[in-house]
Amino acid sequence: MNPSFSDSQIVQVDQLILHHYNVSPFSEKIRAILSFKDVPWTAVEVPAVMPKPDVVALTGGYRRTPVLQIGAHIYCDTALIAEVLERLAPSPAIFPPESAGTARFVAQWADSTLFWTVVAYSFQPEGAAAILSGMTDDERKVFGADRAAFRGNAPRIAPAEATAALLIYLRRFETMLIDDRVWLLGSSASIADFSVYHCLWFVRRAGPLATIIDDFPYVAGWYERMRRLVQPPHADMTSEAALRHAADESPQELESEFYTDTHGIALGTQVTITPTDTGRDPVAGELVLALRDELAVRRFDDRVGELIVHFPRLGFEMKAA
């Protein structure tokens, strides 16, 4: 068991609250994992663009979607959320022993390199028209400005290069799935499947560009199997109710004997934790957890009270405030 969890937290799987929006690809990744594990969860619909005052009240500034709430504990980034769900519901596993190391590497690659490749491919004009078809002209302008601010100076891939790269990746997936193999890395599902799936789910939203997958029959079959896994939430909740739920809970103290110091920063220090790639909004608080692969800060919000906000180590930087 991960030392950041108490026994009472482990059993409260019916209190998982996922702050997401329907067309968020990273949210689809977590929705698929929750469905695969058959874990009951409650959905809070959040805005796709800033401002997100209720999300920020919980996270302290982190704006990326989705966010997992368990009482007054807030978990950021799908890499960490996936690990949390594995701790809570270890069977069926998404980190099976025979492929866990490889699966984590593939997932990290998919969540970064593959994701930005499919974004560049899918947002060619004909794909963007389909993805944004439900928006007014003004809403499209707001969306474009929000995503430009979110990306900052992150490198962009030209459409031709994105198309070429995606075709190469699809060919590689096809060889991994030859002979109708059910999962990418062998006989068991892994986080690799869910991280690749949400990227191709985004491509499938890109109107006429979505047919690029159809030229790879094993990939197309695997994708459909993954898509059919996903089930709707067990309940819905307003963001105001989620804030009240957090305010009614007191975050449990976290065990510290597994403290891992790579920064020369002691527990109890005021720090900031910031994504290193996109959405670089720092979260400030008191460092209360520093494990090999997870950090957490205690912070206070006028609307909610005391919260513990958790982050993965990879993809984030910590500094003394």
Protein backbone atom coordinates (compact mmCIF):
# COMPACT_ATOMS: atom_id res chain seq x y z
CA MET A 1 0.00 0.00 0.00
CA ASN A 2 1.28 3.49 -0.80
CA PRO A 3 2.15 5.29 2.43
CA SER A 4 0.08 8.36 1.47
CA PHE A 5 -3.15 6.39 2.05
CA SER A 6 -4.84 5.35 5.26
CA ASP A 7 -7.16 2.34 5.52
CA SER A 8 -10.20 4.59 5.83
CA GLN A 9 -9.35 6.33 2.56
CA ILE A 10 -8.88 3.04 0.75
CA VAL A 11 -12.44 1.84 1.36
CA GLN A 12 -14.16 5.07 0.37
CA VAL A 13 -14.22 4.36 -3.36
CA ASP A 14 -17.85 5.51 -3.54
CA GLN A 15 -16.67 9.03 -2.76
CA LEU A 16 -14.47 9.53 -5.81
CA ILE A 17 -15.32 12.84 -7.48
CA LEU A 18 -13.88 13.47 -10.95
CA HIS A 19 -13.82 17.09 -12.09
CA HIS A 20 -13.87 16.79 -15.87
CA TYR A 21 -15.62 17.85 -19.05
CA ASN A 22 -17.03 15.53 -21.67
CA VAL A 23 -14.72 16.36 -24.59
CA SER A 24 -11.49 16.38 -22.55
CA PRO A 25 -9.20 13.59 -23.84
CA PHE A 26 -7.31 13.22 -20.57
CA SER A 27 -10.65 12.96 -18.78
CA GLU A 28 -11.57 10.17 -21.18
CA LYS A 29 -8.42 8.34 -20.08
CA ILE A 30 -9.56 8.39 -16.44
CA ARG A 31 -13.18 7.62 -17.33
CA ALA A 32 -11.93 4.53 -19.16
CA ILE A 33 -9.82 3.40 -16.18
CA LEU A 34 -12.71 3.91 -13.75
CA SER A 35 -14.98 1.90 -16.04
CA PHE A 36 -12.40 -0.87 -16.49
CA LYS A 37 -12.02 -1.17 -12.72
CA ASP A 38 -15.80 -0.87 -12.21
CA VAL A 39 -15.27 1.73 -9.49
CA PRO A 40 -18.26 3.95 -8.63
CA TRP A 41 -17.57 7.64 -9.19
CA THR A 42 -19.30 10.99 -9.24
CA ALA A 43 -18.86 13.53 -12.03
CA VAL A 44 -18.50 17.30 -11.73
CA GLU A 45 -18.62 19.12 -15.06
CA VAL A 46 -16.02 21.90 -15.19
CA PRO A 47 -15.46 24.65 -17.79
CA ALA A 48 -13.22 23.81 -20.72
CA VAL A 49 -11.53 27.22 -20.53
CA MET A 50 -10.55 29.69 -17.85
CA PRO A 51 -11.83 31.11 -15.58
CA LYS A 52 -12.43 28.05 -13.41
CA PRO A 53 -13.01 29.53 -9.94
CA ASP A 54 -14.31 26.35 -8.32
CA VAL A 55 -11.45 24.23 -9.68
CA VAL A 56 -8.90 26.81 -8.53
CA ALA A 57 -10.53 26.88 -5.08
CA LEU A 58 -9.68 23.19 -4.77
CA THR A 59 -6.27 23.14 -6.46
CA GLY A 60 -4.85 26.55 -5.60
CA GLY A 61 -4.17 27.43 -9.23
CA TYR A 62 -3.67 24.18 -11.12
CA ARG A 63 -6.01 24.42 -14.11
CA ARG A 64 -5.53 21.22 -16.11
CA THR A 65 -8.34 18.70 -16.51
CA PRO A 66 -9.22 16.30 -14.95
CA VAL A 67 -8.78 16.56 -11.18
CA LEU A 68 -9.71 13.78 -8.75
CA GLN A 69 -11.21 14.71 -5.38
CA ILE A 70 -11.37 12.32 -2.43
CA GLY A 71 -12.77 14.28 0.49
CA ALA A 72 -10.37 17.16 1.05
CA HIS A 73 -7.54 15.46 -0.86
CA ILE A 74 -7.11 16.73 -4.43
CA TYR A 75 -5.09 14.73 -6.99
CA CYS A 76 -3.65 16.50 -10.04
CA ASP A 77 -2.42 15.01 -13.33
CA THR A 78 -3.69 11.76 -14.84
CA ALA A 79 -0.37 9.99 -14.26
CA LEU A 80 -0.89 10.33 -10.51
CA ILE A 81 -4.66 9.79 -10.68
CA ALA A 82 -4.06 6.44 -12.42
CA GLU A 83 -1.68 5.39 -9.64
CA VAL A 84 -4.22 6.44 -7.02
CA LEU A 85 -6.97 4.39 -8.66
CA GLU A 86 -4.66 1.37 -8.72
CA ARG A 87 -4.07 1.74 -4.99
CA LEU A 88 -7.79 2.03 -4.31
CA ALA A 89 -8.91 -0.77 -6.63
CA PRO A 90 -5.91 -2.99 -7.46
CA SER A 91 -7.95 -5.53 -9.43
CA PRO A 92 -8.18 -5.58 -12.36
CA ALA A 93 -4.72 -4.10 -12.56
CA ILE A 94 -3.49 -1.43 -14.96
CA PHE A 95 0.09 -1.89 -13.73
CA PRO A 96 0.48 -5.69 -14.06
CA PRO A 97 3.88 -6.92 -12.78
CA GLU A 98 4.91 -8.40 -16.13
CA SER A 99 4.69 -5.06 -17.96
CA ALA A 100 4.44 -2.30 -15.35
CA GLY A 101 7.82 -0.72 -16.12
CA THR A 102 7.36 -0.74 -19.88
CA ALA A 103 3.74 0.39 -19.51
CA ARG A 104 4.75 3.46 -17.50
CA PHE A 105 7.31 4.45 -20.14
CA VAL A 106 4.77 4.01 -22.97
CA ALA A 107 2.16 5.97 -21.02
CA GLN A 108 4.56 8.85 -20.36
CA TRP A 109 5.42 8.95 -24.08
CA ALA A 110 1.76 8.78 -25.11
CA ASP A 111 0.71 11.55 -22.72
CA SER A 112 3.32 13.88 -24.18
CA THR A 113 4.75 13.04 -27.60
CA LEU A 114 1.75 11.17 -28.97
CA PHE A 115 -0.77 13.59 -27.47
CA TRP A 116 0.78 16.71 -29.00
CA THR A 117 1.14 14.87 -32.31
CA VAL A 118 -2.58 14.07 -32.42
CA VAL A 119 -3.46 17.63 -31.39
CA ALA A 120 -1.43 19.04 -34.27
CA TYR A 121 -2.91 16.48 -36.67
CA SER A 122 -6.51 16.88 -35.51
CA PHE A 123 -6.54 20.67 -35.47
CA GLN A 124 -5.97 20.98 -39.18
CA PRO A 125 -8.88 23.07 -40.56
CA GLU A 126 -11.23 20.19 -41.41
CA GLY A 127 -10.55 18.49 -38.08
CA ALA A 128 -10.87 21.67 -36.04
CA ALA A 129 -14.23 22.41 -37.70
CA ALA A 130 -15.55 19.07 -36.44
CA ILE A 131 -14.01 19.30 -32.96
CA LEU A 132 -15.34 22.84 -32.40
CA SER A 133 -18.62 22.37 -34.26
CA GLY A 134 -20.72 22.93 -31.14
CA MET A 135 -19.23 26.36 -30.46
CA THR A 136 -20.22 29.81 -31.67
CA ASP A 137 -17.63 32.01 -33.40
CA ASP A 138 -17.08 33.95 -30.17
CA GLU A 139 -16.65 30.72 -28.19
CA ARG A 140 -14.09 29.48 -30.72
CA LYS A 141 -12.11 32.71 -30.27
CA VAL A 142 -12.18 32.33 -26.48
CA PHE A 143 -11.13 28.68 -26.79
CA GLY A 144 -8.24 29.58 -29.11
CA ALA A 145 -6.98 32.32 -26.80
CA ASP A 146 -7.26 30.04 -23.77
CA ARG A 147 -5.30 27.24 -25.41
CA ALA A 148 -2.63 29.66 -26.66
CA ALA A 149 -2.10 30.89 -23.10
CA PHE A 150 -2.15 27.31 -21.83
CA ARG A 151 0.57 26.19 -24.25
CA GLY A 152 2.76 29.23 -23.77
CA ASN A 153 6.03 28.78 -25.65
CA ALA A 154 5.75 25.00 -26.02
CA PRO A 155 6.98 23.87 -29.48
CA ARG A 156 4.32 23.31 -32.13
CA ILE A 157 4.31 20.55 -34.74
CA ALA A 158 3.48 21.42 -38.35
CA PRO A 159 0.48 19.51 -39.76
CA ALA A 160 2.56 17.65 -42.37
CA GLU A 161 5.04 16.44 -39.76
CA ALA A 162 2.21 15.52 -37.40
CA THR A 163 0.52 13.47 -40.11
CA ALA A 164 3.74 11.65 -40.97
CA ALA A 165 4.51 10.97 -37.30
CA LEU A 166 1.00 9.71 -36.55
CA LEU A 167 1.17 7.28 -39.48
CA ILE A 168 4.48 5.94 -38.15
CA TYR A 169 3.03 5.50 -34.67
CA LEU A 170 -0.10 3.78 -35.99
CA ARG A 171 2.05 1.32 -37.95
CA ARG A 172 3.98 0.53 -34.77
CA PHE A 173 0.76 -0.01 -32.82
CA GLU A 174 -0.46 -2.28 -35.60
CA THR A 175 2.56 -4.54 -35.17
CA MET A 176 1.96 -4.61 -31.39
CA LEU A 177 -1.63 -5.76 -31.96
CA ILE A 178 -1.07 -8.23 -34.81
CA ASP A 179 -3.14 -11.43 -34.65
CA ASP A 180 -5.86 -9.57 -32.75
CA ARG A 181 -3.89 -9.27 -29.53
CA VAL A 182 -6.29 -7.77 -26.99
CA TRP A 183 -3.86 -5.41 -25.21
CA LEU A 184 -0.85 -3.43 -26.41
CA LEU A 185 1.72 -5.07 -24.14
CA GLY A 186 0.53 -8.65 -23.97
CA SER A 187 -2.14 -10.64 -22.21
CA SER A 188 -3.04 -8.01 -19.61
CA ALA A 189 -4.39 -4.48 -19.76
CA SER A 190 -1.98 -1.76 -18.70
CA ILE A 191 -1.78 1.99 -18.35
CA ALA A 192 -0.24 1.98 -21.85
CA ASP A 193 -3.61 1.00 -23.35
CA PHE A 194 -5.47 3.81 -21.61
CA SER A 195 -2.87 6.47 -22.42
CA VAL A 196 -2.77 5.57 -26.12
CA TYR A 197 -6.55 5.20 -26.23
CA HIS A 198 -7.34 8.74 -25.12
CA CYS A 199 -5.08 10.14 -27.83
CA LEU A 200 -6.80 8.13 -30.57
CA TRP A 201 -10.18 9.06 -29.03
CA PHE A 202 -9.26 12.67 -29.78
CA VAL A 203 -8.40 11.78 -33.38
CA ARG A 204 -11.79 10.07 -33.72
CA ARG A 205 -13.42 13.45 -32.97
CA ALA A 206 -11.64 15.13 -35.89
CA GLY A 207 -14.32 14.61 -38.55
CA PRO A 208 -12.89 13.45 -41.89
CA LEU A 209 -9.38 13.22 -40.40
CA ALA A 210 -10.54 10.40 -38.12
CA THR A 211 -10.37 7.86 -40.95
CA ILE A 212 -6.57 7.70 -40.66
CA ILE A 213 -7.12 5.00 -38.02
CA ASP A 214 -9.21 2.85 -40.37
CA ASP A 215 -6.16 1.97 -42.48
CA PHE A 216 -4.85 -0.04 -39.51
CA PRO A 217 -7.43 -2.78 -38.84
CA TYR A 218 -5.83 -4.19 -35.68
CA VAL A 219 -5.58 -0.70 -34.19
CA ALA A 220 -9.16 0.09 -35.21
CA GLY A 221 -10.40 -3.11 -33.57
CA TRP A 222 -8.43 -2.46 -30.40
CA TYR A 223 -9.75 1.11 -30.29
CA GLU A 224 -13.36 -0.07 -30.49
CA ARG A 225 -12.78 -2.54 -27.67
CA MET A 226 -11.36 0.26 -25.56
CA ARG A 227 -14.18 2.66 -26.44
CA ARG A 228 -16.83 0.13 -25.44
CA LEU A 229 -15.29 -0.12 -21.97
CA VAL A 230 -16.27 3.42 -21.06
CA GLN A 231 -19.42 3.78 -18.95
CA PRO A 232 -21.14 6.94 -17.66
CA PRO A 233 -20.62 8.15 -14.08
CA HIS A 234 -22.67 6.65 -11.27
CA ALA A 235 -23.82 10.11 -10.15
CA ASP A 236 -23.48 13.80 -10.99
CA MET A 237 -22.65 16.64 -8.64
CA THR A 238 -22.45 20.41 -8.98
CA SER A 239 -19.11 22.07 -8.37
CA GLU A 240 -20.66 23.97 -5.46
CA ALA A 241 -21.65 20.67 -3.84
CA ALA A 242 -18.12 19.31 -4.39
CA LEU A 243 -16.70 22.35 -2.59
CA ARG A 244 -19.10 21.83 0.30
CA HIS A 245 -18.07 18.17 0.43
CA ALA A 246 -14.41 19.18 0.69
CA ALA A 247 -15.24 21.78 3.34
CA ASP A 248 -17.04 19.15 5.43
CA GLU A 249 -14.00 16.85 5.37
CA SER A 250 -10.74 17.20 7.26
CA PRO A 251 -7.76 15.93 5.27
CA GLN A 252 -6.11 13.03 7.01
CA GLU A 253 -2.52 13.29 8.11
CA LEU A 254 -0.03 11.63 5.77
CA GLU A 255 2.69 9.23 6.83
CA SER A 256 6.16 10.72 6.45
CA GLU A 257 8.59 7.88 7.16
CA PHE A 258 9.00 7.38 3.40
CA TYR A 259 10.19 10.99 2.99
CA THR A 260 12.42 11.34 -0.07
CA ASP A 261 14.43 14.58 -0.27
CA THR A 262 15.92 15.51 -3.64
CA HIS A 263 15.68 19.31 -3.18
CA GLY A 264 17.07 19.99 0.28
CA ILE A 265 13.58 21.14 1.27
CA ALA A 266 12.22 19.89 4.60
CA LEU A 267 8.62 18.92 5.29
CA GLY A 268 6.74 21.93 6.65
CA THR A 269 8.45 24.33 4.24
CA GLN A 270 6.34 26.70 2.15
CA VAL A 271 6.84 25.71 -1.50
CA THR A 272 5.40 26.15 -4.96
CA ILE A 273 4.74 23.24 -7.34
CA THR A 274 4.39 24.02 -11.05
CA PRO A 275 3.91 21.94 -14.23
CA THR A 276 7.05 22.01 -16.35
CA ASP A 277 5.40 21.94 -19.78
CA THR A 278 1.96 23.57 -20.17
CA GLY A 279 -0.52 25.25 -17.88
CA ARG A 280 2.38 26.58 -15.83
CA ASP A 281 0.34 27.96 -12.93
CA PRO A 282 2.11 27.46 -9.58
CA VAL A 283 0.36 26.05 -6.52
CA ALA A 284 1.65 27.33 -3.18
CA GLY A 285 1.40 25.54 0.14
CA GLU A 286 3.16 23.74 2.98
CA LEU A 287 5.06 20.65 1.90
CA VAL A 288 3.49 17.71 3.76
CA LEU A 289 4.45 14.75 1.57
CA ALA A 290 7.57 13.96 -0.46
CA LEU A 291 7.70 10.40 -1.75
CA ARG A 292 9.79 8.93 -4.57
CA ASP A 293 7.04 9.69 -7.09
CA GLU A 294 4.56 12.03 -5.34
CA LEU A 295 4.48 15.43 -3.66
CA ALA A 296 1.69 17.07 -1.68
CA VAL A 297 1.09 20.48 -0.11
CA ARG A 298 -1.34 21.70 2.52
CA ARG A 299 -3.18 24.86 1.57
CA PHE A 300 -6.17 26.83 2.80
CA ASP A 301 -9.00 28.34 0.79
CA ASP A 302 -11.51 30.88 2.06
CA ARG A 303 -14.42 28.89 0.57
CA VAL A 304 -13.26 25.37 1.40
CA GLY A 305 -10.84 25.46 4.31
CA GLU A 306 -7.92 23.04 4.60
CA LEU A 307 -6.96 20.91 1.59
CA ILE A 308 -4.11 18.59 0.64
CA VAL A 309 -3.18 18.88 -3.05
CA HIS A 310 -1.14 16.02 -4.57
CA PHE A 311 1.12 16.02 -7.64
CA PRO A 312 3.35 13.48 -9.38
CA ARG A 313 7.07 14.18 -9.29
CA LEU A 314 7.54 13.73 -13.04
CA GLY A 315 6.42 16.75 -15.06
CA PHE A 316 6.42 19.14 -12.09
CA GLU A 317 9.03 21.32 -10.38
CA MET A 318 9.12 22.25 -6.70
CA LYS A 319 10.75 25.36 -5.27
CA ALA A 320 10.93 26.87 -1.82
CA ALA A 321 8.52 29.79 -1.73
